[in-house]
Amino acid sequence: MKQGEHGSATILAAMVIGLVLAAVIGLGSLTILYGAKTEASTAADAAALAAAVATYPPAGAGTPGAEASRYATANGAVVVSCVCAVNPSFATRTVTVIVEKQVSVPFFGTLGVKAGATGEFDPLAWLGG
């Protein structure tokens, strides 16, 4: 070995181990975030469908916002916004709900993952007409 080259393999090995560790942490974090996005999407779908039905008062559900919150919470998320006005007419209506799910990601802390969904309700189809 030449003088001054002692330990260069150790430094190179440490750098390679560091890069592999960073890649593992990055992939693990992406997996956690992808799972949270899927769960947030499920919560948004459930919240939007529940809110859509609640826009028609004779359906017997609570208020659209309360129903959206109830279904989002049951799926581990919170409602960020709900465009879901009550409409007593027989017209088909559409609601839009955005939810957020908090997830803990190692080395990054707690992050919020958002998802949105649209739900539609047709009172005439519900009434069988």
Foldseek 3Di string as FASTA:
>chain_A
DDPPCPCVVVVVVVVVVVVVVVVVLVVQQVVQLVVQQVLQQVLQVQLQAQLQCQLAPVSPDDHSQVSSQVSSVVSQWGWPDKQRHRDNDQDKDKIKTKIWHWDQRPPPGIDIDMDMDMHIDGNCVVVVD
